[in-house]
């Protein structure tokens, strides 16, 4: 059985961030959607930036 390597985890993180971005646009949160879309694009260069951005946005929404 093959485990998940770093490359697969990074691709999964990018896809997850893209899905979060699409959901943000659908809910009318244009700024969050654009921020997540940018983070997904940067994730290929900086692994984990998309996940960190997504967590930050969720935390910011909770604290409002």
PDB file of N, CA and C in Angstrom:
ATOM      1  N   UNK A   1       0.839  -1.171   0.000  1.00  0.00           N
ATOM      2  CA  UNK A   1       0.000   0.000   0.000  1.00  0.00           C
ATOM      3  C   UNK A   1       0.885   1.235   0.000  1.00  0.00           C
ATOM      4  N   UNK A   2       0.558   2.170  -0.844  1.00  0.00           N
ATOM      5  CA  UNK A   2       1.353   3.373  -0.981  1.00  0.00           C
ATOM      6  C   UNK A   2       0.820   4.461  -0.053  1.00  0.00           C
ATOM      7  N   UNK A   3       1.727   5.080   0.694  1.00  0.00           N
ATOM      8  CA  UNK A   3       1.340   6.169   1.591  1.00  0.00           C
ATOM      9  C   UNK A   3       1.269   7.480   0.836  1.00  0.00           C
ATOM     10  N   UNK A   4       0.837   8.498   1.536  1.00  0.00           N
ATOM     11  CA  UNK A   4       0.755   9.826   0.936  1.00  0.00           C
ATOM     12  C   UNK A   4       2.109  10.498   1.097  1.00  0.00           C
ATOM     13  N   UNK A   5       2.690  10.906  -0.021  1.00  0.00           N
ATOM     14  CA  UNK A   5       3.964  11.616   0.060  1.00  0.00           C
ATOM     15  C   UNK A   5       3.716  13.124   0.064  1.00  0.00           C
ATOM     16  N   UNK A   6       4.793  13.901   0.162  1.00  0.00           N
ATOM     17  CA  UNK A   6       4.664  15.357   0.269  1.00  0.00           C
ATOM     18  C   UNK A   6       4.014  15.968  -0.966  1.00  0.00           C
ATOM     19  N   UNK A   7       4.344  15.465  -2.142  1.00  0.00           N
ATOM     20  CA  UNK A   7       3.771  16.006  -3.379  1.00  0.00           C
ATOM     21  C   UNK A   7       2.257  15.786  -3.426  1.00  0.00           C
ATOM     22  N   UNK A   8       1.811  14.597  -3.038  1.00  0.00           N
ATOM     23  CA  UNK A   8       0.377  14.304  -3.026  1.00  0.00           C
ATOM     24  C   UNK A   8      -0.350  15.167  -1.998  1.00  0.00           C
ATOM     25  N   UNK A   9       0.263  15.350  -0.847  1.00  0.00           N
ATOM     26  CA  UNK A   9      -0.345  16.184   0.192  1.00  0.00           C
ATOM     27  C   UNK A   9      -0.457  17.627  -0.277  1.00  0.00           C
ATOM     28  N   UNK A  10       0.546  18.122  -0.991  1.00  0.00           N
ATOM     29  CA  UNK A  10       0.506  19.494  -1.497  1.00  0.00           C
ATOM     30  C   UNK A  10      -0.594  19.651  -2.545  1.00  0.00           C
ATOM     31  N   UNK A  11      -0.732  18.669  -3.434  1.00  0.00           N
ATOM     32  CA  UNK A  11      -1.801  18.729  -4.442  1.00  0.00           C
ATOM     33  C   UNK A  11      -3.173  18.703  -3.779  1.00  0.00           C
ATOM     34  N   UNK A  12      -3.311  17.886  -2.756  1.00  0.00           N
ATOM     35  CA  UNK A  12      -4.572  17.804  -2.026  1.00  0.00           C
ATOM     36  C   UNK A  12      -4.884  19.138  -1.342  1.00  0.00           C
ATOM     37  N   UNK A  13      -3.867  19.785  -0.801  1.00  0.00           N
ATOM     38  CA  UNK A  13      -4.037  21.087  -0.167  1.00  0.00           C
ATOM     39  C   UNK A  13      -4.472  22.133  -1.181  1.00  0.00           C
ATOM     40  N   UNK A  14      -3.891  22.108  -2.376  1.00  0.00           N
ATOM     41  CA  UNK A  14      -4.261  23.066  -3.423  1.00  0.00           C
ATOM     42  C   UNK A  14      -5.710  22.864  -3.845  1.00  0.00           C
ATOM     43  N   UNK A  15      -6.104  21.623  -4.044  1.00  0.00           N
ATOM     44  CA  UNK A  15      -7.487  21.325  -4.446  1.00  0.00           C
ATOM     45  C   UNK A  15      -8.457  21.752  -3.356  1.00  0.00           C
ATOM     46  N   UNK A  16      -8.105  21.499  -2.113  1.00  0.00           N
ATOM     47  CA  UNK A  16      -8.954  21.893  -0.995  1.00  0.00           C
ATOM     48  C   UNK A  16      -9.121  23.410  -0.934  1.00  0.00           C
ATOM     49  N   UNK A  17      -8.048  24.132  -1.170  1.00  0.00           N
ATOM     50  CA  UNK A  17      -8.111  25.595  -1.166  1.00  0.00           C
ATOM     51  C   UNK A  17      -8.959  26.102  -2.324  1.00  0.00           C
ATOM     52  N   UNK A  18      -8.855  25.466  -3.478  1.00  0.00           N
ATOM     53  CA  UNK A  18      -9.687  25.856  -4.621  1.00  0.00           C
ATOM     54  C   UNK A  18     -11.167  25.621  -4.333  1.00  0.00           C
ATOM     55  N   UNK A  19     -11.479  24.535  -3.671  1.00  0.00           N
ATOM     56  CA  UNK A  19     -12.866  24.251  -3.301  1.00  0.00           C
ATOM     57  C   UNK A  19     -13.370  25.292  -2.305  1.00  0.00           C
ATOM     58  N   UNK A  20     -12.537  25.629  -1.307  1.00  0.00           N
ATOM     59  CA  UNK A  20     -12.908  26.680  -0.355  1.00  0.00           C
ATOM     60  C   UNK A  20     -13.141  28.006  -1.064  1.00  0.00           C
ATOM     61  N   UNK A  21     -12.311  28.303  -2.062  1.00  0.00           N
ATOM     62  CA  UNK A  21     -12.458  29.530  -2.832  1.00  0.00           C
ATOM     63  C   UNK A  21     -13.786  29.541  -3.582  1.00  0.00           C
ATOM     64  N   UNK A  22     -14.115  28.443  -4.241  1.00  0.00           N
ATOM     65  CA  UNK A  22     -15.372  28.354  -4.981  1.00  0.00           C
ATOM     66  C   UNK A  22     -16.571  28.515  -4.046  1.00  0.00           C
ATOM     67  N   UNK A  23     -16.495  27.909  -2.867  1.00  0.00           N
ATOM     68  CA  UNK A  23     -17.587  28.043  -1.904  1.00  0.00           C
ATOM     69  C   UNK A  23     -17.714  29.478  -1.398  1.00  0.00           C
ATOM     70  N   UNK A  24     -16.588  30.143  -1.207  1.00  0.00           N
ATOM     71  CA  UNK A  24     -16.621  31.538  -0.763  1.00  0.00           C
ATOM     72  C   UNK A  24     -17.287  32.413  -1.826  1.00  0.00           C
ATOM     73  N   UNK A  25     -16.941  32.215  -3.096  1.00  0.00           N
ATOM     74  CA  UNK A  25     -17.581  32.979  -4.171  1.00  0.00           C
ATOM     75  C   UNK A  25     -19.076  32.694  -4.205  1.00  0.00           C
ATOM     76  N   UNK A  26     -19.444  31.438  -4.032  1.00  0.00           N
ATOM     77  CA  UNK A  26     -20.856  31.061  -4.087  1.00  0.00           C
ATOM     78  C   UNK A  26     -21.655  31.695  -2.949  1.00  0.00           C
ATOM     79  N   UNK A  27     -21.004  31.870  -1.793  1.00  0.00           N
ATOM     80  CA  UNK A  27     -21.678  32.475  -0.642  1.00  0.00           C
ATOM     81  C   UNK A  27     -21.643  34.002  -0.677  1.00  0.00           C
ATOM     82  N   UNK A  28     -21.032  34.558  -1.729  1.00  0.00           N
ATOM     83  CA  UNK A  28     -20.996  36.008  -1.857  1.00  0.00           C
ATOM     84  C   UNK A  28     -19.820  36.670  -1.163  1.00  0.00           C
ATOM     85  N   UNK A  29     -18.850  35.901  -0.739  1.00  0.00           N
ATOM     86  CA  UNK A  29     -17.652  36.445  -0.076  1.00  0.00           C
ATOM     87  C   UNK A  29     -16.539  36.597  -1.112  1.00  0.00           C
ATOM     88  N   UNK A  30     -16.640  37.636  -1.907  1.00  0.00           N
ATOM     89  CA  UNK A  30     -15.725  37.836  -3.033  1.00  0.00           C
ATOM     90  C   UNK A  30     -14.281  38.021  -2.576  1.00  0.00           C
ATOM     91  N   UNK A  31     -14.070  38.834  -1.538  1.00  0.00           N
ATOM     92  CA  UNK A  31     -12.706  39.069  -1.057  1.00  0.00           C
ATOM     93  C   UNK A  31     -12.066  37.786  -0.536  1.00  0.00           C
ATOM     94  N   UNK A  32     -12.816  37.007   0.214  1.00  0.00           N
ATOM     95  CA  UNK A  32     -12.291  35.735   0.721  1.00  0.00           C
ATOM     96  C   UNK A  32     -11.993  34.783  -0.432  1.00  0.00           C
ATOM     97  N   UNK A  33     -12.878  34.762  -1.417  1.00  0.00           N
ATOM     98  CA  UNK A  33     -12.673  33.901  -2.580  1.00  0.00           C
ATOM     99  C   UNK A  33     -11.420  34.262  -3.344  1.00  0.00           C
ATOM    100  N   UNK A  34     -11.194  35.567  -3.530  1.00  0.00           N
ATOM    101  CA  UNK A  34      -9.990  36.007  -4.230  1.00  0.00           C
ATOM    102  C   UNK A  34      -8.733  35.700  -3.425  1.00  0.00           C
ATOM    103  N   UNK A  35      -8.800  35.895  -2.118  1.00  0.00           N
ATOM    104  CA  UNK A  35      -7.655  35.600  -1.264  1.00  0.00           C
ATOM    105  C   UNK A  35      -7.318  34.108  -1.305  1.00  0.00           C
ATOM    106  N   UNK A  36      -8.334  33.274  -1.253  1.00  0.00           N
ATOM    107  CA  UNK A  36      -8.112  31.821  -1.307  1.00  0.00           C
ATOM    108  C   UNK A  36      -7.621  31.384  -2.684  1.00  0.00           C
ATOM    109  N   UNK A  37      -8.117  32.012  -3.720  1.00  0.00           N
ATOM    110  CA  UNK A  37      -7.661  31.695  -5.069  1.00  0.00           C
ATOM    111  C   UNK A  37      -6.179  32.044  -5.226  1.00  0.00           C
ATOM    112  N   UNK A  38      -5.789  33.195  -4.715  1.00  0.00           N
ATOM    113  CA  UNK A  38      -4.382  33.589  -4.743  1.00  0.00           C
ATOM    114  C   UNK A  38      -3.517  32.653  -3.918  1.00  0.00           C
ATOM    115  N   UNK A  39      -4.018  32.239  -2.772  1.00  0.00           N
ATOM    116  CA  UNK A  39      -3.275  31.312  -1.918  1.00  0.00           C
ATOM    117  C   UNK A  39      -3.106  29.961  -2.601  1.00  0.00           C
ATOM    118  N   UNK A  40      -4.125  29.521  -3.320  1.00  0.00           N
ATOM    119  CA  UNK A  40      -4.020  28.250  -4.050  1.00  0.00           C
ATOM    120  C   UNK A  40      -2.951  28.347  -5.136  1.00  0.00           C
ATOM    121  N   UNK A  41      -2.889  29.492  -5.799  1.00  0.00           N
ATOM    122  CA  UNK A  41      -1.868  29.690  -6.831  1.00  0.00           C
ATOM    123  C   UNK A  41      -0.471  29.704  -6.222  1.00  0.00           C
ATOM    124  N   UNK A  42      -0.337  30.301  -5.054  1.00  0.00           N
ATOM    125  CA  UNK A  42       0.965  30.355  -4.387  1.00  0.00           C
ATOM    126  C   UNK A  42       1.373  29.031  -3.747  1.00  0.00           C
ATOM    127  N   UNK A  43       0.404  28.154  -3.522  1.00  0.00           N
ATOM    128  CA  UNK A  43       0.687  26.893  -2.838  1.00  0.00           C
ATOM    129  C   UNK A  43       1.669  26.002  -3.580  1.00  0.00           C
ATOM    130  N   UNK A  44       1.780  26.172  -4.879  1.00  0.00           N
ATOM    131  CA  UNK A  44       2.741  25.359  -5.610  1.00  0.00           C
ATOM    132  C   UNK A  44       4.172  25.785  -5.271  1.00  0.00           C
ATOM    133  N   UNK A  45       4.342  27.050  -4.885  1.00  0.00           N
ATOM    134  CA  UNK A  45       5.668  27.577  -4.505  1.00  0.00           C
ATOM    135  C   UNK A  45       5.910  27.517  -2.995  1.00  0.00           C
ATOM    136  N   UNK A  46       4.863  27.790  -2.232  1.00  0.00           N
ATOM    137  CA  UNK A  46       4.956  27.815  -0.770  1.00  0.00           C
ATOM    138  C   UNK A  46       3.959  26.802  -0.206  1.00  0.00           C
ATOM    139  N   UNK A  47       4.399  25.573   0.022  1.00  0.00           N
ATOM    140  CA  UNK A  47       3.476  24.540   0.506  1.00  0.00           C
ATOM    141  C   UNK A  47       2.817  24.936   1.831  1.00  0.00           C
ATOM    142  N   UNK A  48       1.517  24.731   1.911  1.00  0.00           N
ATOM    143  CA  UNK A  48       0.779  24.987   3.137  1.00  0.00           C
ATOM    144  C   UNK A  48       0.174  26.367   3.247  1.00  0.00           C
ATOM    145  N   UNK A  49       0.504  27.275   2.340  1.00  0.00           N
ATOM    146  CA  UNK A  49      -0.017  28.643   2.426  1.00  0.00           C
ATOM    147  C   UNK A  49      -1.534  28.659   2.251  1.00  0.00           C
ATOM    148  N   UNK A  50      -2.049  27.778   1.423  1.00  0.00           N
ATOM    149  CA  UNK A  50      -3.498  27.713   1.214  1.00  0.00           C
ATOM    150  C   UNK A  50      -4.233  27.253   2.462  1.00  0.00           C
ATOM    151  N   UNK A  51      -3.695  26.262   3.117  1.00  0.00           N
ATOM    152  CA  UNK A  51      -4.305  25.752   4.342  1.00  0.00           C
ATOM    153  C   UNK A  51      -4.259  26.807   5.438  1.00  0.00           C
ATOM    154  N   UNK A  52      -3.135  27.479   5.558  1.00  0.00           N
ATOM    155  CA  UNK A  52      -2.998  28.528   6.575  1.00  0.00           C
ATOM    156  C   UNK A  52      -3.978  29.665   6.303  1.00  0.00           C
ATOM    157  N   UNK A  53      -4.126  30.056   5.047  1.00  0.00           N
ATOM    158  CA  UNK A  53      -5.051  31.126   4.674  1.00  0.00           C
ATOM    159  C   UNK A  53      -6.488  30.731   4.983  1.00  0.00           C
ATOM    160  N   UNK A  54      -6.842  29.499   4.652  1.00  0.00           N
ATOM    161  CA  UNK A  54      -8.190  29.011   4.915  1.00  0.00           C
ATOM    162  C   UNK A  54      -8.489  29.013   6.416  1.00  0.00           C
ATOM    163  N   UNK A  55      -7.544  28.528   7.207  1.00  0.00           N
ATOM    164  CA  UNK A  55      -7.733  28.516   8.659  1.00  0.00           C
ATOM    165  C   UNK A  55      -7.830  29.933   9.223  1.00  0.00           C
ATOM    166  N   UNK A  56      -6.995  30.841   8.712  1.00  0.00           N
ATOM    167  CA  UNK A  56      -7.037  32.232   9.153  1.00  0.00           C
ATOM    168  C   UNK A  56      -8.400  32.864   8.864  1.00  0.00           C
ATOM    169  N   UNK A  57      -8.939  32.632   7.672  1.00  0.00           N
ATOM    170  CA  UNK A  57     -10.235  33.216   7.317  1.00  0.00           C
ATOM    171  C   UNK A  57     -11.353  32.657   8.191  1.00  0.00           C
ATOM    172  N   UNK A  58     -11.297  31.351   8.467  1.00  0.00           N
ATOM    173  CA  UNK A  58     -12.326  30.757   9.333  1.00  0.00           C
ATOM    174  C   UNK A  58     -12.244  31.339  10.749  1.00  0.00           C
ATOM    175  N   UNK A  59     -11.024  31.509  11.248  1.00  0.00           N
ATOM    176  CA  UNK A  59     -10.835  32.060  12.575  1.00  0.00           C
ATOM    177  C   UNK A  59     -11.304  33.520  12.623  1.00  0.00           C
ATOM    178  N   UNK A  60     -10.983  34.287  11.597  1.00  0.00           N
ATOM    179  CA  UNK A  60     -11.406  35.691  11.544  1.00  0.00           C
ATOM    180  C   UNK A  60     -12.932  35.802  11.521  1.00  0.00           C
ATOM    181  N   UNK A  61     -13.601  34.912  10.789  1.00  0.00           N
ATOM    182  CA  UNK A  61     -15.071  34.943  10.753  1.00  0.00           C
ATOM    183  C   UNK A  61     -15.666  34.612  12.110  1.00  0.00           C
ATOM    184  N   UNK A  62     -15.048  33.678  12.829  1.00  0.00           N
ATOM    185  CA  UNK A  62     -15.554  33.302  14.143  1.00  0.00           C
ATOM    186  C   UNK A  62     -15.389  34.416  15.166  1.00  0.00           C
ATOM    187  N   UNK A  63     -14.302  35.174  15.051  1.00  0.00           N
ATOM    188  CA  UNK A  63     -14.022  36.221  16.024  1.00  0.00           C
ATOM    189  C   UNK A  63     -14.815  37.501  15.786  1.00  0.00           C
ATOM    190  N   UNK A  64     -15.460  37.612  14.639  1.00  0.00           N
ATOM    191  CA  UNK A  64     -16.261  38.813  14.354  1.00  0.00           C
ATOM    192  C   UNK A  64     -17.546  38.820  15.108  1.00  0.00           C
TER     193      UNK A  64
END
